[in-house]
Amino acid sequence: MPRPAALLSLALLALPLPAIATAQPDASGEARRGQAAVMAPASAGRRMADGGRVELASDSAASVSLPLGSTARIRNLRNGRTAMVRVRDRLPASEGRILSVTPKVAGMLGMPANGVAQVEVAPLAVPQRDGSVRLGSGTRLSGRRAYVTEPAR
């Protein structure tokens, strides 16, 4: 390999990776505003990041930033309608888009069947790496930790 080509190859390797590849899930539990889109009907049955399959009649969502297993309250900023979802899939980072919801959730939010809407995502319970659950801004106990315990017998 000629020297200039080798130097160019090394320079390209030194460039930072895109945000999609390096983004860490946001486990802070803070509310975020942005666009939510409706999952396409063609995605039905597709494998999701949590291992399950996309069910268009479920209360599932794909998120750019929330960890898998998080639950959140979604509010349509245009009409005030809300829905509860569980994050079961990852969504690649894109400008303004923070969530993708099933058609069932879109109907509860009053979103167009194939469109997008401005929403606020307020996490309720956000799994942490240590096994605990952080209560999010969707609760009035934001920042506190909850632990899942076995029921008394």
C-alpha atoms as a PDB file:
ATOM      1  CA  MET A   1       0.000   0.000   0.000  1.00  0.00           C
ATOM      2  CA  PRO A   2       1.512   3.375  -0.944  1.00  0.00           C
ATOM      3  CA  ARG A   3       2.356   5.625   1.989  1.00  0.00           C
ATOM      4  CA  PRO A   4      -0.354   8.335   1.321  1.00  0.00           C
ATOM      5  CA  ALA A   5      -3.055   5.639   1.121  1.00  0.00           C
ATOM      6  CA  ALA A   6      -1.841   4.073   4.366  1.00  0.00           C
ATOM      7  CA  LEU A   7      -1.924   7.444   6.108  1.00  0.00           C
ATOM      8  CA  LEU A   8      -5.430   8.087   4.819  1.00  0.00           C
ATOM      9  CA  SER A   9      -6.558   4.682   6.127  1.00  0.00           C
ATOM     10  CA  LEU A  10      -5.141   5.444   9.562  1.00  0.00           C
ATOM     11  CA  ALA A  11      -6.786   8.864   9.591  1.00  0.00           C
ATOM     12  CA  LEU A  12     -10.171   7.341   8.763  1.00  0.00           C
ATOM     13  CA  LEU A  13      -9.796   4.845  11.602  1.00  0.00           C
ATOM     14  CA  ALA A  14      -9.200   7.725  14.028  1.00  0.00           C
ATOM     15  CA  LEU A  15     -12.522   9.401  13.193  1.00  0.00           C
ATOM     16  CA  PRO A  16     -15.240   9.076  15.849  1.00  0.00           C
ATOM     17  CA  LEU A  17     -17.949   6.511  15.212  1.00  0.00           C
ATOM     18  CA  PRO A  18     -21.489   7.709  14.489  1.00  0.00           C
ATOM     19  CA  ALA A  19     -23.696   8.423  17.508  1.00  0.00           C
ATOM     20  CA  ILE A  20     -25.861   5.399  16.702  1.00  0.00           C
ATOM     21  CA  ALA A  21     -23.027   2.982  17.395  1.00  0.00           C
ATOM     22  CA  THR A  22     -21.801   4.674  20.589  1.00  0.00           C
ATOM     23  CA  ALA A  23     -25.024   5.954  22.181  1.00  0.00           C
ATOM     24  CA  GLN A  24     -25.720   4.615  25.643  1.00  0.00           C
ATOM     25  CA  PRO A  25     -29.300   4.287  26.880  1.00  0.00           C
ATOM     26  CA  ASP A  26     -30.392   7.208  29.075  1.00  0.00           C
ATOM     27  CA  ALA A  27     -31.263   5.716  32.452  1.00  0.00           C
ATOM     28  CA  SER A  28     -31.792   9.121  34.138  1.00  0.00           C
ATOM     29  CA  GLY A  29     -35.593   8.981  33.989  1.00  0.00           C
ATOM     30  CA  GLU A  30     -35.897  12.566  32.740  1.00  0.00           C
ATOM     31  CA  ALA A  31     -38.792  13.517  30.432  1.00  0.00           C
ATOM     32  CA  ARG A  32     -38.003  14.317  26.799  1.00  0.00           C
ATOM     33  CA  ARG A  33     -39.911  15.980  23.977  1.00  0.00           C
ATOM     34  CA  GLY A  34     -39.671  15.108  20.315  1.00  0.00           C
ATOM     35  CA  GLN A  35     -41.414  13.303  17.490  1.00  0.00           C
ATOM     36  CA  ALA A  36     -43.082   9.907  17.699  1.00  0.00           C
ATOM     37  CA  ALA A  37     -43.799   7.895  14.576  1.00  0.00           C
ATOM     38  CA  VAL A  38     -46.175   5.003  13.974  1.00  0.00           C
ATOM     39  CA  MET A  39     -44.621   1.591  13.281  1.00  0.00           C
ATOM     40  CA  ALA A  40     -45.294   0.380   9.753  1.00  0.00           C
ATOM     41  CA  PRO A  41     -47.727  -2.538   9.370  1.00  0.00           C
ATOM     42  CA  ALA A  42     -44.968  -4.365   7.454  1.00  0.00           C
ATOM     43  CA  SER A  43     -42.987  -4.601  10.718  1.00  0.00           C
ATOM     44  CA  ALA A  44     -45.532  -7.033  12.223  1.00  0.00           C
ATOM     45  CA  GLY A  45     -43.793 -10.211  13.345  1.00  0.00           C
ATOM     46  CA  ARG A  46     -40.297  -8.713  13.052  1.00  0.00           C
ATOM     47  CA  ARG A  47     -37.885  -9.611  15.847  1.00  0.00           C
ATOM     48  CA  MET A  48     -37.438  -6.867  18.441  1.00  0.00           C
ATOM     49  CA  ALA A  49     -34.357  -6.090  20.551  1.00  0.00           C
ATOM     50  CA  ASP A  50     -35.875  -7.794  23.611  1.00  0.00           C
ATOM     51  CA  GLY A  51     -36.253 -11.057  21.663  1.00  0.00           C
ATOM     52  CA  GLY A  52     -40.016 -10.849  21.166  1.00  0.00           C
ATOM     53  CA  ARG A  53     -41.887 -10.131  17.977  1.00  0.00           C
ATOM     54  CA  VAL A  54     -43.619  -6.902  16.943  1.00  0.00           C
ATOM     55  CA  GLU A  55     -47.332  -7.099  17.745  1.00  0.00           C
ATOM     56  CA  LEU A  56     -49.153  -4.126  16.261  1.00  0.00           C
ATOM     57  CA  ALA A  57     -52.012  -4.458  18.786  1.00  0.00           C
ATOM     58  CA  SER A  58     -49.671  -4.185  21.805  1.00  0.00           C
ATOM     59  CA  ASP A  59     -48.603  -1.271  23.998  1.00  0.00           C
ATOM     60  CA  SER A  60     -44.996  -1.443  22.779  1.00  0.00           C
ATOM     61  CA  ALA A  61     -42.559   1.217  21.681  1.00  0.00           C
ATOM     62  CA  ALA A  62     -39.075   1.534  20.215  1.00  0.00           C
ATOM     63  CA  SER A  63     -36.915   4.246  21.760  1.00  0.00           C
ATOM     64  CA  VAL A  64     -33.755   6.072  20.796  1.00  0.00           C
ATOM     65  CA  SER A  65     -32.663   6.661  24.379  1.00  0.00           C
ATOM     66  CA  LEU A  66     -34.650   4.671  26.963  1.00  0.00           C
ATOM     67  CA  PRO A  67     -33.284   1.279  28.051  1.00  0.00           C
ATOM     68  CA  LEU A  68     -35.199  -1.851  27.087  1.00  0.00           C
ATOM     69  CA  GLY A  69     -37.849  -2.741  29.684  1.00  0.00           C
ATOM     70  CA  SER A  70     -38.584   0.882  30.601  1.00  0.00           C
ATOM     71  CA  THR A  71     -42.195   1.937  30.990  1.00  0.00           C
ATOM     72  CA  ALA A  72     -43.255   5.441  30.070  1.00  0.00           C
ATOM     73  CA  ARG A  73     -46.258   7.734  29.761  1.00  0.00           C
ATOM     74  CA  ILE A  74     -46.504   9.320  26.307  1.00  0.00           C
ATOM     75  CA  ARG A  75     -48.450  12.558  25.886  1.00  0.00           C
ATOM     76  CA  ASN A  76     -49.464  13.963  22.508  1.00  0.00           C
ATOM     77  CA  LEU A  77     -48.592  17.665  22.825  1.00  0.00           C
ATOM     78  CA  ARG A  78     -51.212  18.684  20.248  1.00  0.00           C
ATOM     79  CA  ASN A  79     -54.282  17.160  21.920  1.00  0.00           C
ATOM     80  CA  GLY A  80     -53.159  16.149  25.441  1.00  0.00           C
ATOM     81  CA  ARG A  81     -54.071  12.463  25.039  1.00  0.00           C
ATOM     82  CA  THR A  82     -51.835   9.968  26.876  1.00  0.00           C
ATOM     83  CA  ALA A  83     -50.873   6.305  26.669  1.00  0.00           C
ATOM     84  CA  MET A  84     -48.583   3.987  28.642  1.00  0.00           C
ATOM     85  CA  VAL A  85     -45.951   1.951  26.797  1.00  0.00           C
ATOM     86  CA  ARG A  86     -43.179  -0.534  27.450  1.00  0.00           C
ATOM     87  CA  VAL A  87     -39.926  -0.053  25.535  1.00  0.00           C
ATOM     88  CA  ARG A  88     -39.171  -3.333  23.758  1.00  0.00           C
ATOM     89  CA  ASP A  89     -37.023  -2.235  20.832  1.00  0.00           C
ATOM     90  CA  ARG A  90     -34.214   0.155  19.893  1.00  0.00           C
ATOM     91  CA  LEU A  91     -34.639   2.938  17.369  1.00  0.00           C
ATOM     92  CA  PRO A  92     -31.728   4.411  15.403  1.00  0.00           C
ATOM     93  CA  ALA A  93     -30.973   8.025  16.234  1.00  0.00           C
ATOM     94  CA  SER A  94     -32.511  10.531  13.849  1.00  0.00           C
ATOM     95  CA  GLU A  95     -33.048  14.243  14.112  1.00  0.00           C
ATOM     96  CA  GLY A  96     -36.099  14.928  16.282  1.00  0.00           C
ATOM     97  CA  ARG A  97     -37.463  11.345  16.305  1.00  0.00           C
ATOM     98  CA  ILE A  98     -37.346   9.865  19.804  1.00  0.00           C
ATOM     99  CA  LEU A  99     -39.956   7.116  19.715  1.00  0.00           C
ATOM    100  CA  SER A 100     -41.826   4.745  17.445  1.00  0.00           C
ATOM    101  CA  VAL A 101     -45.172   3.364  18.664  1.00  0.00           C
ATOM    102  CA  THR A 102     -47.557   0.652  17.537  1.00  0.00           C
ATOM    103  CA  PRO A 103     -50.754   1.599  15.675  1.00  0.00           C
ATOM    104  CA  LYS A 104     -52.738   0.746  18.845  1.00  0.00           C
ATOM    105  CA  VAL A 105     -50.784   3.318  20.884  1.00  0.00           C
ATOM    106  CA  ALA A 106     -51.002   5.812  18.013  1.00  0.00           C
ATOM    107  CA  GLY A 107     -54.797   5.463  18.094  1.00  0.00           C
ATOM    108  CA  MET A 108     -54.877   6.074  21.853  1.00  0.00           C
ATOM    109  CA  LEU A 109     -52.765   9.205  21.322  1.00  0.00           C
ATOM    110  CA  GLY A 110     -54.908  10.442  18.440  1.00  0.00           C
ATOM    111  CA  MET A 111     -51.998  10.291  15.997  1.00  0.00           C
ATOM    112  CA  PRO A 112     -52.537   9.875  12.249  1.00  0.00           C
ATOM    113  CA  ALA A 113     -52.290   6.179  11.276  1.00  0.00           C
ATOM    114  CA  ASN A 114     -49.137   6.682   9.220  1.00  0.00           C
ATOM    115  CA  GLY A 115     -47.792   9.951  10.556  1.00  0.00           C
ATOM    116  CA  VAL A 116     -45.801  11.587  13.282  1.00  0.00           C
ATOM    117  CA  ALA A 117     -46.753  13.703  16.281  1.00  0.00           C
ATOM    118  CA  GLN A 118     -44.962  15.909  18.793  1.00  0.00           C
ATOM    119  CA  VAL A 119     -44.933  14.052  22.119  1.00  0.00           C
ATOM    120  CA  GLU A 120     -43.540  14.184  25.607  1.00  0.00           C
ATOM    121  CA  VAL A 121     -42.077  10.920  26.920  1.00  0.00           C
ATOM    122  CA  ALA A 122     -42.137  10.774  30.720  1.00  0.00           C
ATOM    123  CA  PRO A 123     -40.472   7.580  31.999  1.00  0.00           C
ATOM    124  CA  LEU A 124     -42.196   5.818  34.865  1.00  0.00           C
ATOM    125  CA  ALA A 125     -39.747   2.995  35.617  1.00  0.00           C
ATOM    126  CA  VAL A 126     -36.260   2.777  34.103  1.00  0.00           C
ATOM    127  CA  PRO A 127     -34.141  -0.363  34.663  1.00  0.00           C
ATOM    128  CA  GLN A 128     -30.614   0.322  35.915  1.00  0.00           C
ATOM    129  CA  ARG A 129     -27.454  -1.706  35.309  1.00  0.00           C
ATOM    130  CA  ASP A 130     -27.283  -2.802  38.966  1.00  0.00           C
ATOM    131  CA  GLY A 131     -30.716  -4.497  38.755  1.00  0.00           C
ATOM    132  CA  SER A 132     -32.629  -1.733  40.493  1.00  0.00           C
ATOM    133  CA  VAL A 133     -35.314   0.390  38.887  1.00  0.00           C
ATOM    134  CA  ARG A 134     -35.149   4.206  38.855  1.00  0.00           C
ATOM    135  CA  LEU A 135     -38.493   5.942  39.131  1.00  0.00           C
ATOM    136  CA  GLY A 136     -38.751   8.504  36.358  1.00  0.00           C
ATOM    137  CA  SER A 137     -40.233  11.947  35.915  1.00  0.00           C
ATOM    138  CA  GLY A 138     -43.587  10.390  34.981  1.00  0.00           C
ATOM    139  CA  THR A 139     -43.984   9.598  38.687  1.00  0.00           C
ATOM    140  CA  ARG A 140     -43.802  12.086  41.511  1.00  0.00           C
ATOM    141  CA  LEU A 141     -40.887  10.118  42.960  1.00  0.00           C
ATOM    142  CA  SER A 142     -38.326  10.955  40.282  1.00  0.00           C
ATOM    143  CA  GLY A 143     -34.778   9.783  40.941  1.00  0.00           C
ATOM    144  CA  ARG A 144     -35.633   7.337  43.707  1.00  0.00           C
ATOM    145  CA  ARG A 145     -34.755   3.688  43.350  1.00  0.00           C
ATOM    146  CA  ALA A 146     -37.125   0.780  43.645  1.00  0.00           C
ATOM    147  CA  TYR A 147     -36.113  -2.850  44.047  1.00  0.00           C
ATOM    148  CA  VAL A 148     -38.037  -5.850  42.806  1.00  0.00           C
ATOM    149  CA  THR A 149     -38.399  -8.331  45.630  1.00  0.00           C
ATOM    150  CA  GLU A 150     -39.960 -11.742  45.975  1.00  0.00           C
ATOM    151  CA  PRO A 151     -43.452 -11.669  47.493  1.00  0.00           C
ATOM    152  CA  ALA A 152     -43.773 -12.960  51.068  1.00  0.00           C
ATOM    153  CA  ARG A 153     -45.137 -16.493  51.273  1.00  0.00           C
END
